[in-house]
Amino acid sequence: MESRKVRRMETRTERIKKMPPSIWPYIKTIAAAVILALVLRYLVVFAVAVEGPSMESTLQTGNIVLVEKVSYYFNPPSRMDIVIVEYPNREGYYVKRVIGLAGETVEVKEGRVLIDGKMLSDPQNEEGMVRDMDAVTVPPGSVFVMGDNRNHSLDSRDDSVGCIPLSAVKGRGVLLIWPLDKLKTLE
């Protein structure tokens, strides 16, 4: 039985040796491309599909967003960045906008967002929010996020989500890549 296995392995080795030498550059190129794609995916960029109405009118269900990871290796998110986050005790990624930064107090009064008692210039919230929210201080190493469609978003205002630790911020949405006719940078 073992001699059969040895013969079979020798046969495969012989087949590989018999491959035309002109094919090896293609195999090396494909292997390098796969390795590069994996490195890019896990360290630099990835794409995420938008589901649900929480980021309307900026993003719609079915949109695909290119997400870059590199800038957050060096600096924390900035206010109004579109970020991709993981919520505690929930699966999947969520696309939201950074509203509050570490040490700031965020509240909603009369439908408007206040940061440290000052009204946030907030073009995504022209219609105002239906419900108010008591003041919350964003802890160190965290951000407060909201969806652009403020009245239809599960975000940091909800006790089940709360402030998002920076370790749960997976990257910054930089480019709407699908559908192609809507291709644009995200701000």
Protein backbone atom coordinates (compact mmCIF):
# COMPACT_ATOMS: atom_id res chain seq x y z
CA MET A 1 0.00 0.00 0.00
CA GLU A 2 2.77 2.44 0.88
CA SER A 3 4.60 1.75 -2.36
CA ARG A 4 1.50 2.82 -4.29
CA LYS A 5 1.41 6.13 -2.45
CA VAL A 6 5.08 6.70 -3.15
CA ARG A 7 4.57 5.90 -6.82
CA ARG A 8 1.59 8.25 -7.01
CA MET A 9 3.62 11.10 -5.46
CA GLU A 10 6.47 10.44 -7.85
CA THR A 11 4.04 10.58 -10.72
CA ARG A 12 2.71 13.98 -9.60
CA THR A 13 6.25 15.28 -9.17
CA GLU A 14 7.14 14.05 -12.61
CA ARG A 15 4.06 15.78 -14.05
CA ILE A 16 5.08 19.06 -12.46
CA LYS A 17 8.59 18.68 -13.86
CA LYS A 18 7.12 18.00 -17.31
CA MET A 19 5.18 21.27 -17.32
CA PRO A 20 6.49 23.61 -19.98
CA PRO A 21 8.94 26.14 -18.50
CA SER A 22 6.98 28.97 -20.12
CA ILE A 23 4.10 28.44 -17.66
CA TRP A 24 6.15 29.17 -14.50
CA PRO A 25 6.20 32.97 -14.92
CA TYR A 26 2.38 32.91 -15.06
CA ILE A 27 2.14 30.78 -11.93
CA LYS A 28 4.55 33.11 -10.09
CA THR A 29 2.57 36.17 -11.21
CA ILE A 30 -0.73 34.66 -10.07
CA ALA A 31 0.76 33.66 -6.70
CA ALA A 32 2.19 37.18 -6.21
CA ALA A 33 -1.17 38.74 -7.12
CA VAL A 34 -3.01 36.54 -4.61
CA ILE A 35 -0.52 37.39 -1.85
CA LEU A 36 -0.75 41.11 -2.67
CA ALA A 37 -4.56 40.99 -2.68
CA LEU A 38 -4.58 39.31 0.74
CA VAL A 39 -2.15 41.86 2.19
CA LEU A 40 -4.22 44.74 0.79
CA ARG A 41 -7.47 43.23 2.09
CA TYR A 42 -6.27 42.66 5.64
CA LEU A 43 -3.99 45.68 6.10
CA VAL A 44 -4.96 48.46 3.67
CA VAL A 45 -8.44 48.43 2.06
CA PHE A 46 -11.62 46.42 1.80
CA ALA A 47 -15.14 46.93 0.44
CA VAL A 48 -18.41 46.82 2.36
CA ALA A 49 -22.00 46.69 1.10
CA VAL A 50 -24.50 49.10 2.65
CA GLU A 51 -27.67 47.53 4.07
CA GLY A 52 -30.62 49.46 5.42
CA PRO A 53 -31.70 53.11 5.47
CA SER A 54 -29.51 54.42 8.33
CA MET A 55 -27.07 56.35 6.09
CA GLU A 56 -29.61 57.77 3.61
CA SER A 57 -29.34 60.13 1.77
CA THR A 58 -25.54 59.82 1.71
CA LEU A 59 -25.59 56.05 1.05
CA GLN A 60 -28.35 53.71 -0.09
CA THR A 61 -28.96 49.98 0.37
CA GLY A 62 -26.87 48.11 -2.21
CA ASN A 63 -24.14 50.74 -2.44
CA ILE A 64 -20.61 49.41 -2.09
CA VAL A 65 -18.08 51.53 -0.22
CA LEU A 66 -14.29 51.26 -0.40
CA VAL A 67 -12.88 51.39 3.12
CA GLU A 68 -9.29 52.35 3.93
CA LYS A 69 -7.66 51.22 7.15
CA VAL A 70 -4.24 52.91 7.08
CA SER A 71 -5.09 56.41 8.38
CA TYR A 72 -6.53 55.03 11.63
CA TYR A 73 -3.28 53.16 12.33
CA PHE A 74 -1.73 56.59 12.97
CA ASN A 75 -4.57 58.92 13.99
CA PRO A 76 -8.00 58.45 15.56
CA PRO A 77 -11.14 59.18 13.53
CA SER A 78 -12.18 62.80 13.02
CA ARG A 79 -15.63 64.27 13.47
CA MET A 80 -17.87 63.64 10.45
CA ASP A 81 -15.73 60.76 9.10
CA ILE A 82 -17.82 57.96 7.65
CA VAL A 83 -16.61 54.88 9.49
CA ILE A 84 -17.19 51.16 9.39
CA VAL A 85 -17.66 49.74 12.88
CA GLU A 86 -18.48 46.52 14.67
CA TYR A 87 -21.13 46.76 17.37
CA PRO A 88 -20.78 44.83 20.61
CA ASN A 89 -22.83 41.61 20.65
CA ARG A 90 -23.90 42.02 17.00
CA GLU A 91 -22.58 40.46 13.82
CA GLY A 92 -21.41 42.33 10.75
CA TYR A 93 -20.21 45.80 9.95
CA TYR A 94 -22.19 49.03 10.34
CA VAL A 95 -21.60 52.22 8.34
CA LYS A 96 -21.99 55.36 10.47
CA ARG A 97 -20.71 58.92 10.86
CA VAL A 98 -18.46 60.04 13.74
CA ILE A 99 -20.26 62.73 15.75
CA GLY A 100 -18.51 62.84 19.14
CA LEU A 101 -14.85 62.38 20.05
CA ALA A 102 -13.23 61.19 23.28
CA GLY A 103 -13.86 63.56 26.19
CA GLU A 104 -16.73 65.42 24.50
CA THR A 105 -20.30 65.55 25.74
CA VAL A 106 -22.94 64.69 23.12
CA GLU A 107 -26.65 65.36 23.56
CA VAL A 108 -29.75 65.89 21.45
CA LYS A 109 -32.08 68.75 22.36
CA GLU A 110 -35.07 69.87 20.35
CA GLY A 111 -33.98 67.58 17.52
CA ARG A 112 -30.47 69.03 17.22
CA VAL A 113 -27.06 67.56 18.13
CA LEU A 114 -25.05 69.48 20.71
CA ILE A 115 -21.35 68.89 21.32
CA ASP A 116 -20.17 70.30 24.66
CA GLY A 117 -23.32 72.45 24.67
CA LYS A 118 -22.74 73.92 21.16
CA MET A 119 -24.95 73.06 18.20
CA LEU A 120 -23.21 70.83 15.68
CA SER A 121 -23.19 72.11 12.10
CA ASP A 122 -24.99 69.07 10.74
CA PRO A 123 -26.19 69.09 7.11
CA GLN A 124 -27.26 65.43 7.47
CA ASN A 125 -29.84 66.43 10.10
CA GLU A 126 -31.77 69.25 8.45
CA GLU A 127 -35.15 67.78 9.38
CA GLY A 128 -34.17 67.31 13.04
CA MET A 129 -34.51 64.24 15.22
CA VAL A 130 -37.78 63.03 16.67
CA ARG A 131 -36.47 62.22 20.13
CA ASP A 132 -34.02 63.97 22.40
CA MET A 133 -31.12 62.30 24.19
CA ASP A 134 -29.56 63.10 27.55
CA ALA A 135 -25.92 64.17 27.61
CA VAL A 136 -23.34 61.39 27.22
CA THR A 137 -19.60 61.91 27.73
CA VAL A 138 -17.54 59.94 25.22
CA PRO A 139 -14.96 57.86 27.12
CA PRO A 140 -11.25 57.90 26.25
CA GLY A 141 -10.42 55.66 23.30
CA SER A 142 -13.97 55.81 21.92
CA VAL A 143 -16.18 57.69 19.45
CA PHE A 144 -19.90 58.47 19.33
CA VAL A 145 -21.48 57.54 15.98
CA MET A 146 -24.83 58.19 14.29
CA GLY A 147 -26.37 57.29 10.97
CA ASP A 148 -27.08 60.17 8.58
CA ASN A 149 -30.76 59.20 8.57
CA ARG A 150 -30.95 60.09 12.26
CA ASN A 151 -34.55 58.99 12.83
CA HIS A 152 -33.93 55.53 11.33
CA SER A 153 -30.56 54.47 12.69
CA LEU A 154 -29.37 52.10 15.40
CA ASP A 155 -26.29 53.91 16.68
CA SER A 156 -24.51 55.26 19.78
CA ARG A 157 -27.75 56.81 21.06
CA ASP A 158 -29.04 53.32 21.77
CA ASP A 159 -27.98 51.71 25.06
CA SER A 160 -27.31 48.40 23.29
CA VAL A 161 -24.65 50.11 21.15
CA GLY A 162 -23.27 53.05 23.11
CA CYS A 163 -19.93 54.68 22.37
CA ILE A 164 -17.71 52.68 20.04
CA PRO A 165 -14.19 51.72 21.17
CA LEU A 166 -11.53 52.63 18.61
CA SER A 167 -10.64 48.93 18.34
CA ALA A 168 -14.12 48.37 16.84
CA VAL A 169 -13.61 51.06 14.16
CA LYS A 170 -12.49 49.01 11.16
CA GLY A 171 -11.77 51.82 8.72
CA ARG A 172 -12.88 55.01 7.01
CA GLY A 173 -15.28 54.99 4.07
CA VAL A 174 -13.52 56.92 1.32
CA LEU A 175 -15.15 56.06 -1.99
CA LEU A 176 -18.59 55.00 -3.18
CA ILE A 177 -17.66 52.42 -5.84
CA TRP A 178 -21.04 50.89 -6.70
CA PRO A 179 -23.17 51.61 -8.58
CA LEU A 180 -20.63 52.98 -11.02
CA ASP A 181 -22.84 55.88 -12.10
CA LYS A 182 -22.76 57.13 -8.48
CA LEU A 183 -18.95 56.85 -8.12
CA LYS A 184 -17.75 59.58 -5.73
CA THR A 185 -15.51 60.31 -2.78
CA LEU A 186 -17.23 60.31 0.60
CA GLU A 187 -17.12 63.26 2.96
